[in-house]
Every structure is written in C-alpha cells, then in structure tokens.
Amino acid sequence: MIPIQGYEHLTDAERRLFIRVHQKHLSSLTDKEREQYGLGNVVEVKANPQQAAIDVRFSNGEQKQFTAKGIWH
C-alpha cells in the first residue's frame, strides 16, 4: 500500500481519531462504496485543530472531514 501523505505529521491522538472515524465511516457504506473509501484510496490526511478534525482526501477526488465527535461530512 502507498503511504498516506501527511499521516506521519499527525499526532498519536490524531491518528487514533482518523482510524476510529474512518472505520465508522466504512461501516456505514455499501460494499461497492467501501471500495472507493478504503485505506488504499486515502490520498492525504491533514490535521485541522481549529475544527478538532482530520481533513481527508480520497483518490476519487472526494474530501471528508472526520471530527473528534466521531462524525464525518
């Protein structure tokens, strides 16, 4: 798997947040949708401390924000 750009710059807490919300996000999707949003399709992650969130960019061009409250939008 290709490394996710920006992941190495996240703190341990931010990494845990990303993994927790990403898993929750995947569990809400259909099998076909999961193919587009799996870890292998995450291109970049970036901490967004002002929003208490992680900004996530996927290979299909979609961008999501994973928040500390465990939601995404």
PDB file of N, CA and C in Angstrom:
ATOM      1  N   MET A   1       0.845  -1.177   0.000  1.00  0.00           N
ATOM      2  CA  MET A   1       0.000   0.000   0.000  1.00  0.00           C
ATOM      3  C   MET A   1       0.890   1.241   0.000  1.00  0.00           C
ATOM      4  N   ILE A   2       0.478   2.250  -0.745  1.00  0.00           N
ATOM      5  CA  ILE A   2       1.203   3.516  -0.815  1.00  0.00           C
ATOM      6  C   ILE A   2       0.952   4.282   0.490  1.00  0.00           C
ATOM      7  N   PRO A   3       1.990   4.844   1.084  1.00  0.00           N
ATOM      8  CA  PRO A   3       1.795   5.615   2.320  1.00  0.00           C
ATOM      9  C   PRO A   3       0.828   6.787   2.092  1.00  0.00           C
ATOM     10  N   ILE A   4       0.072   7.115   3.126  1.00  0.00           N
ATOM     11  CA  ILE A   4      -0.872   8.221   3.054  1.00  0.00           C
ATOM     12  C   ILE A   4      -0.116   9.516   3.328  1.00  0.00           C
ATOM     13  N   GLN A   5      -0.182  10.436   2.388  1.00  0.00           N
ATOM     14  CA  GLN A   5       0.511  11.715   2.537  1.00  0.00           C
ATOM     15  C   GLN A   5      -0.027  12.440   3.772  1.00  0.00           C
ATOM     16  N   GLY A   6       0.869  12.902   4.622  1.00  0.00           N
ATOM     17  CA  GLY A   6       0.503  13.663   5.806  1.00  0.00           C
ATOM     18  C   GLY A   6       0.311  12.839   7.058  1.00  0.00           C
ATOM     19  N   TYR A   7       0.154  11.525   6.911  1.00  0.00           N
ATOM     20  CA  TYR A   7      -0.098  10.675   8.084  1.00  0.00           C
ATOM     21  C   TYR A   7       1.035  10.784   9.099  1.00  0.00           C
ATOM     22  N   GLU A   8       2.259  10.879   8.608  1.00  0.00           N
ATOM     23  CA  GLU A   8       3.419  10.936   9.501  1.00  0.00           C
ATOM     24  C   GLU A   8       3.446  12.227  10.322  1.00  0.00           C
ATOM     25  N   HIS A   9       2.701  13.234   9.897  1.00  0.00           N
ATOM     26  CA  HIS A   9       2.666  14.502  10.625  1.00  0.00           C
ATOM     27  C   HIS A   9       1.564  14.558  11.687  1.00  0.00           C
ATOM     28  N   LEU A  10       0.686  13.555  11.698  1.00  0.00           N
ATOM     29  CA  LEU A  10      -0.374  13.518  12.705  1.00  0.00           C
ATOM     30  C   LEU A  10       0.193  13.073  14.046  1.00  0.00           C
ATOM     31  N   THR A  11      -0.374  13.594  15.118  1.00  0.00           N
ATOM     32  CA  THR A  11      -0.001  13.122  16.451  1.00  0.00           C
ATOM     33  C   THR A  11      -0.635  11.755  16.672  1.00  0.00           C
ATOM     34  N   ASP A  12      -0.231  11.071  17.726  1.00  0.00           N
ATOM     35  CA  ASP A  12      -0.838   9.771  18.027  1.00  0.00           C
ATOM     36  C   ASP A  12      -2.344   9.896  18.222  1.00  0.00           C
ATOM     37  N   ALA A  13      -2.778  10.943  18.917  1.00  0.00           N
ATOM     38  CA  ALA A  13      -4.211  11.151  19.149  1.00  0.00           C
ATOM     39  C   ALA A  13      -4.944  11.405  17.831  1.00  0.00           C
ATOM     40  N   GLU A  14      -4.339  12.169  16.941  1.00  0.00           N
ATOM     41  CA  GLU A  14      -4.953  12.431  15.635  1.00  0.00           C
ATOM     42  C   GLU A  14      -5.010  11.161  14.794  1.00  0.00           C
ATOM     43  N   ARG A  15      -3.999  10.348  14.884  1.00  0.00           N
ATOM     44  CA  ARG A  15      -4.012   9.067  14.156  1.00  0.00           C
ATOM     45  C   ARG A  15      -5.132   8.167  14.663  1.00  0.00           C
ATOM     46  N   ARG A  16      -5.280   8.110  15.986  1.00  0.00           N
ATOM     47  CA  ARG A  16      -6.372   7.294  16.562  1.00  0.00           C
ATOM     48  C   ARG A  16      -7.726   7.827  16.107  1.00  0.00           C
ATOM     49  N   LEU A  17      -7.886   9.141  16.083  1.00  0.00           N
ATOM     50  CA  LEU A  17      -9.127   9.754  15.617  1.00  0.00           C
ATOM     51  C   LEU A  17      -9.391   9.369  14.166  1.00  0.00           C
ATOM     52  N   PHE A  18      -8.393   9.509  13.322  1.00  0.00           N
ATOM     53  CA  PHE A  18      -8.548   9.163  11.911  1.00  0.00           C
ATOM     54  C   PHE A  18      -8.977   7.709  11.751  1.00  0.00           C
ATOM     55  N   ILE A  19      -8.279   6.791  12.396  1.00  0.00           N
ATOM     56  CA  ILE A  19      -8.593   5.359  12.267  1.00  0.00           C
ATOM     57  C   ILE A  19      -9.996   5.055  12.787  1.00  0.00           C
ATOM     58  N   ARG A  20     -10.349   5.606  13.949  1.00  0.00           N
ATOM     59  CA  ARG A  20     -11.663   5.338  14.557  1.00  0.00           C
ATOM     60  C   ARG A  20     -12.799   5.827  13.662  1.00  0.00           C
ATOM     61  N   VAL A  21     -12.696   7.063  13.190  1.00  0.00           N
ATOM     62  CA  VAL A  21     -13.785   7.614  12.373  1.00  0.00           C
ATOM     63  C   VAL A  21     -13.789   6.986  10.980  1.00  0.00           C
ATOM     64  N   HIS A  22     -12.618   6.667  10.451  1.00  0.00           N
ATOM     65  CA  HIS A  22     -12.565   6.003   9.136  1.00  0.00           C
ATOM     66  C   HIS A  22     -13.266   4.653   9.203  1.00  0.00           C
ATOM     67  N   GLN A  23     -13.029   3.893  10.254  1.00  0.00           N
ATOM     68  CA  GLN A  23     -13.700   2.596  10.405  1.00  0.00           C
ATOM     69  C   GLN A  23     -15.209   2.778  10.533  1.00  0.00           C
ATOM     70  N   LYS A  24     -15.621   3.782  11.286  1.00  0.00           N
ATOM     71  CA  LYS A  24     -17.046   4.058  11.446  1.00  0.00           C
ATOM     72  C   LYS A  24     -17.655   4.468  10.105  1.00  0.00           C
ATOM     73  N   HIS A  25     -16.942   5.298   9.357  1.00  0.00           N
ATOM     74  CA  HIS A  25     -17.393   5.727   8.034  1.00  0.00           C
ATOM     75  C   HIS A  25     -17.568   4.514   7.118  1.00  0.00           C
ATOM     76  N   LEU A  26     -16.557   3.640   7.074  1.00  0.00           N
ATOM     77  CA  LEU A  26     -16.639   2.455   6.215  1.00  0.00           C
ATOM     78  C   LEU A  26     -17.815   1.566   6.591  1.00  0.00           C
ATOM     79  N   SER A  27     -18.087   1.432   7.875  1.00  0.00           N
ATOM     80  CA  SER A  27     -19.171   0.544   8.320  1.00  0.00           C
ATOM     81  C   SER A  27     -20.539   1.055   7.886  1.00  0.00           C
ATOM     82  N   SER A  28     -20.640   2.328   7.520  1.00  0.00           N
ATOM     83  CA  SER A  28     -21.920   2.886   7.090  1.00  0.00           C
ATOM     84  C   SER A  28     -22.146   2.751   5.585  1.00  0.00           C
ATOM     85  N   LEU A  29     -21.152   2.261   4.862  1.00  0.00           N
ATOM     86  CA  LEU A  29     -21.201   2.211   3.401  1.00  0.00           C
ATOM     87  C   LEU A  29     -21.549   0.830   2.875  1.00  0.00           C
ATOM     88  N   THR A  30     -22.004   0.799   1.628  1.00  0.00           N
ATOM     89  CA  THR A  30     -22.223  -0.467   0.952  1.00  0.00           C
ATOM     90  C   THR A  30     -20.868  -1.049   0.542  1.00  0.00           C
ATOM     91  N   ASP A  31     -20.847  -2.312   0.158  1.00  0.00           N
ATOM     92  CA  ASP A  31     -19.592  -2.940  -0.271  1.00  0.00           C
ATOM     93  C   ASP A  31     -18.957  -2.182  -1.433  1.00  0.00           C
ATOM     94  N   LYS A  32     -19.762  -1.769  -2.392  1.00  0.00           N
ATOM     95  CA  LYS A  32     -19.230  -1.046  -3.551  1.00  0.00           C
ATOM     96  C   LYS A  32     -18.640   0.301  -3.133  1.00  0.00           C
ATOM     97  N   GLU A  33     -19.306   0.995  -2.233  1.00  0.00           N
ATOM     98  CA  GLU A  33     -18.797   2.288  -1.755  1.00  0.00           C
ATOM     99  C   GLU A  33     -17.504   2.107  -0.963  1.00  0.00           C
ATOM    100  N   ARG A  34     -17.420   1.030  -0.189  1.00  0.00           N
ATOM    101  CA  ARG A  34     -16.212   0.773   0.609  1.00  0.00           C
ATOM    102  C   ARG A  34     -14.981   0.675  -0.271  1.00  0.00           C
ATOM    103  N   GLU A  35     -15.149   0.162  -1.487  1.00  0.00           N
ATOM    104  CA  GLU A  35     -14.015   0.046  -2.406  1.00  0.00           C
ATOM    105  C   GLU A  35     -13.414   1.423  -2.707  1.00  0.00           C
ATOM    106  N   GLN A  36     -14.252   2.458  -2.724  1.00  0.00           N
ATOM    107  CA  GLN A  36     -13.794   3.809  -3.048  1.00  0.00           C
ATOM    108  C   GLN A  36     -13.183   4.535  -1.853  1.00  0.00           C
ATOM    109  N   TYR A  37     -13.529   4.109  -0.636  1.00  0.00           N
ATOM    110  CA  TYR A  37     -13.132   4.860   0.552  1.00  0.00           C
ATOM    111  C   TYR A  37     -12.230   4.082   1.512  1.00  0.00           C
ATOM    112  N   GLY A  38     -11.748   2.915   1.101  1.00  0.00           N
ATOM    113  CA  GLY A  38     -10.841   2.136   1.934  1.00  0.00           C
ATOM    114  C   GLY A  38      -9.512   2.851   2.123  1.00  0.00           C
ATOM    115  N   LEU A  39      -8.700   2.355   3.049  1.00  0.00           N
ATOM    116  CA  LEU A  39      -7.405   2.989   3.334  1.00  0.00           C
ATOM    117  C   LEU A  39      -6.539   3.127   2.093  1.00  0.00           C
ATOM    118  N   GLY A  40      -6.618   2.169   1.185  1.00  0.00           N
ATOM    119  CA  GLY A  40      -5.829   2.227  -0.037  1.00  0.00           C
ATOM    120  C   GLY A  40      -6.209   3.374  -0.952  1.00  0.00           C
ATOM    121  N   ASN A  41      -7.366   3.980  -0.698  1.00  0.00           N
ATOM    122  CA  ASN A  41      -7.838   5.098  -1.514  1.00  0.00           C
ATOM    123  C   ASN A  41      -7.733   6.443  -0.804  1.00  0.00           C
ATOM    124  N   VAL A  42      -7.159   6.446   0.386  1.00  0.00           N
ATOM    125  CA  VAL A  42      -6.909   7.708   1.082  1.00  0.00           C
ATOM    126  C   VAL A  42      -5.606   8.279   0.527  1.00  0.00           C
ATOM    127  N   VAL A  43      -5.677   9.462  -0.031  1.00  0.00           N
ATOM    128  CA  VAL A  43      -4.515  10.090  -0.663  1.00  0.00           C
ATOM    129  C   VAL A  43      -3.760  10.955   0.337  1.00  0.00           C
ATOM    130  N   GLU A  44      -4.519  11.709   1.156  1.00  0.00           N
ATOM    131  CA  GLU A  44      -3.872  12.663   2.054  1.00  0.00           C
ATOM    132  C   GLU A  44      -4.734  12.887   3.291  1.00  0.00           C
ATOM    133  N   VAL A  45      -4.072  13.074   4.418  1.00  0.00           N
ATOM    134  CA  VAL A  45      -4.742  13.468   5.653  1.00  0.00           C
ATOM    135  C   VAL A  45      -4.017  14.686   6.214  1.00  0.00           C
ATOM    136  N   LYS A  46      -4.785  15.542   6.864  1.00  0.00           N
ATOM    137  CA  LYS A  46      -4.189  16.758   7.426  1.00  0.00           C
ATOM    138  C   LYS A  46      -4.952  17.125   8.690  1.00  0.00           C
ATOM    139  N   ALA A  47      -4.208  17.406   9.745  1.00  0.00           N
ATOM    140  CA  ALA A  47      -4.839  17.834  10.993  1.00  0.00           C
ATOM    141  C   ALA A  47      -5.511  19.185  10.790  1.00  0.00           C
ATOM    142  N   ASN A  48      -6.667  19.342  11.421  1.00  0.00           N
ATOM    143  CA  ASN A  48      -7.394  20.602  11.388  1.00  0.00           C
ATOM    144  C   ASN A  48      -7.761  20.940  12.831  1.00  0.00           C
ATOM    145  N   PRO A  49      -6.784  21.441  13.611  1.00  0.00           N
ATOM    146  CA  PRO A  49      -7.027  21.671  15.038  1.00  0.00           C
ATOM    147  C   PRO A  49      -8.116  22.707  15.318  1.00  0.00           C
ATOM    148  N   GLN A  50      -8.328  23.658  14.426  1.00  0.00           N
ATOM    149  CA  GLN A  50      -9.372  24.666  14.624  1.00  0.00           C
ATOM    150  C   GLN A  50     -10.759  24.025  14.659  1.00  0.00           C
ATOM    151  N   GLN A  51     -10.916  22.946  13.912  1.00  0.00           N
ATOM    152  CA  GLN A  51     -12.198  22.244  13.840  1.00  0.00           C
ATOM    153  C   GLN A  51     -12.194  20.961  14.679  1.00  0.00           C
ATOM    154  N   ALA A  52     -11.093  20.685  15.379  1.00  0.00           N
ATOM    155  CA  ALA A  52     -10.922  19.423  16.117  1.00  0.00           C
ATOM    156  C   ALA A  52     -11.243  18.257  15.187  1.00  0.00           C
ATOM    157  N   ALA A  53     -10.556  18.238  14.036  1.00  0.00           N
ATOM    158  CA  ALA A  53     -10.878  17.268  12.990  1.00  0.00           C
ATOM    159  C   ALA A  53      -9.637  16.904  12.181  1.00  0.00           C
ATOM    160  N   ILE A  54      -9.829  15.905  11.328  1.00  0.00           N
ATOM    161  CA  ILE A  54      -8.833  15.499  10.349  1.00  0.00           C
ATOM    162  C   ILE A  54      -9.467  15.667   8.972  1.00  0.00           C
ATOM    163  N   ASP A  55      -8.808  16.412   8.104  1.00  0.00           N
ATOM    164  CA  ASP A  55      -9.269  16.564   6.728  1.00  0.00           C
ATOM    165  C   ASP A  55      -8.696  15.413   5.910  1.00  0.00           C
ATOM    166  N   VAL A  56      -9.550  14.732   5.165  1.00  0.00           N
ATOM    167  CA  VAL A  56      -9.167  13.525   4.433  1.00  0.00           C
ATOM    168  C   VAL A  56      -9.519  13.701   2.956  1.00  0.00           C
ATOM    169  N   ARG A  57      -8.552  13.388   2.086  1.00  0.00           N
ATOM    170  CA  ARG A  57      -8.769  13.439   0.637  1.00  0.00           C
ATOM    171  C   ARG A  57      -8.616  12.029   0.072  1.00  0.00           C
ATOM    172  N   PHE A  58      -9.584  11.629  -0.755  1.00  0.00           N
ATOM    173  CA  PHE A  58      -9.596  10.293  -1.357  1.00  0.00           C
ATOM    174  C   PHE A  58      -9.203  10.358  -2.829  1.00  0.00           C
ATOM    175  N   SER A  59      -8.796   9.222  -3.374  1.00  0.00           N
ATOM    176  CA  SER A  59      -8.331   9.166  -4.763  1.00  0.00           C
ATOM    177  C   SER A  59      -9.438   9.484  -5.769  1.00  0.00           C
ATOM    178  N   ASN A  60     -10.703   9.373  -5.369  1.00  0.00           N
ATOM    179  CA  ASN A  60     -11.799   9.709  -6.285  1.00  0.00           C
ATOM    180  C   ASN A  60     -12.100  11.210  -6.286  1.00  0.00           C
ATOM    181  N   GLY A  61     -11.292  12.003  -5.552  1.00  0.00           N
ATOM    182  CA  GLY A  61     -11.476  13.446  -5.509  1.00  0.00           C
ATOM    183  C   GLY A  61     -12.327  13.931  -4.351  1.00  0.00           C
ATOM    184  N   GLU A  62     -13.024  13.023  -3.699  1.00  0.00           N
ATOM    185  CA  GLU A  62     -13.864  13.393  -2.548  1.00  0.00           C
ATOM    186  C   GLU A  62     -13.003  13.840  -1.385  1.00  0.00           C
ATOM    187  N   GLN A  63     -13.536  14.773  -0.621  1.00  0.00           N
ATOM    188  CA  GLN A  63     -12.888  15.210   0.611  1.00  0.00           C
ATOM    189  C   GLN A  63     -13.894  15.091   1.739  1.00  0.00           C
ATOM    190  N   LYS A  64     -13.438  14.605   2.858  1.00  0.00           N
ATOM    191  CA  LYS A  64     -14.266  14.458   4.056  1.00  0.00           C
ATOM    192  C   LYS A  64     -13.528  15.081   5.218  1.00  0.00           C
ATOM    193  N   GLN A  65     -14.289  15.441   6.221  1.00  0.00           N
ATOM    194  CA  GLN A  65     -13.693  15.907   7.463  1.00  0.00           C
ATOM    195  C   GLN A  65     -14.167  14.950   8.555  1.00  0.00           C
ATOM    196  N   PHE A  66     -13.211  14.299   9.219  1.00  0.00           N
ATOM    197  CA  PHE A  66     -13.512  13.384  10.311  1.00  0.00           C
ATOM    198  C   PHE A  66     -13.335  14.167  11.614  1.00  0.00           C
ATOM    199  N   THR A  67     -14.407  14.289  12.392  1.00  0.00           N
ATOM    200  CA  THR A  67     -14.357  15.134  13.578  1.00  0.00           C
ATOM    201  C   THR A  67     -14.133  14.335  14.858  1.00  0.00           C
ATOM    202  N   ALA A  68     -13.725  15.052  15.893  1.00  0.00           N
ATOM    203  CA  ALA A  68     -13.482  14.435  17.207  1.00  0.00           C
ATOM    204  C   ALA A  68     -14.773  13.858  17.783  1.00  0.00           C
ATOM    205  N   LYS A  69     -15.923  14.308  17.299  1.00  0.00           N
ATOM    206  CA  LYS A  69     -17.214  13.775  17.767  1.00  0.00           C
ATOM    207  C   LYS A  69     -17.551  12.452  17.080  1.00  0.00           C
ATOM    208  N   GLY A  70     -16.665  11.984  16.191  1.00  0.00           N
ATOM    209  CA  GLY A  70     -16.880  10.702  15.525  1.00  0.00           C
ATOM    210  C   GLY A  70     -17.789  10.781  14.325  1.00  0.00           C
ATOM    211  N   ILE A  71     -17.951  11.966  13.767  1.00  0.00           N
ATOM    212  CA  ILE A  71     -18.779  12.106  12.573  1.00  0.00           C
ATOM    213  C   ILE A  71     -17.916  12.570  11.405  1.00  0.00           C
ATOM    214  N   TRP A  72     -18.461  12.489  10.220  1.00  0.00           N
ATOM    215  CA  TRP A  72     -17.759  12.912   9.011  1.00  0.00           C
ATOM    216  C   TRP A  72     -18.733  13.690   8.147  1.00  0.00           C
ATOM    217  N   HIS A  73     -18.204  14.581   7.401  1.00  0.00           N
ATOM    218  CA  HIS A  73     -19.015  15.344   6.442  1.00  0.00           C
ATOM    219  C   HIS A  73     -18.109  15.892   5.358  1.00  0.00           C
TER     220      HIS A  73
END
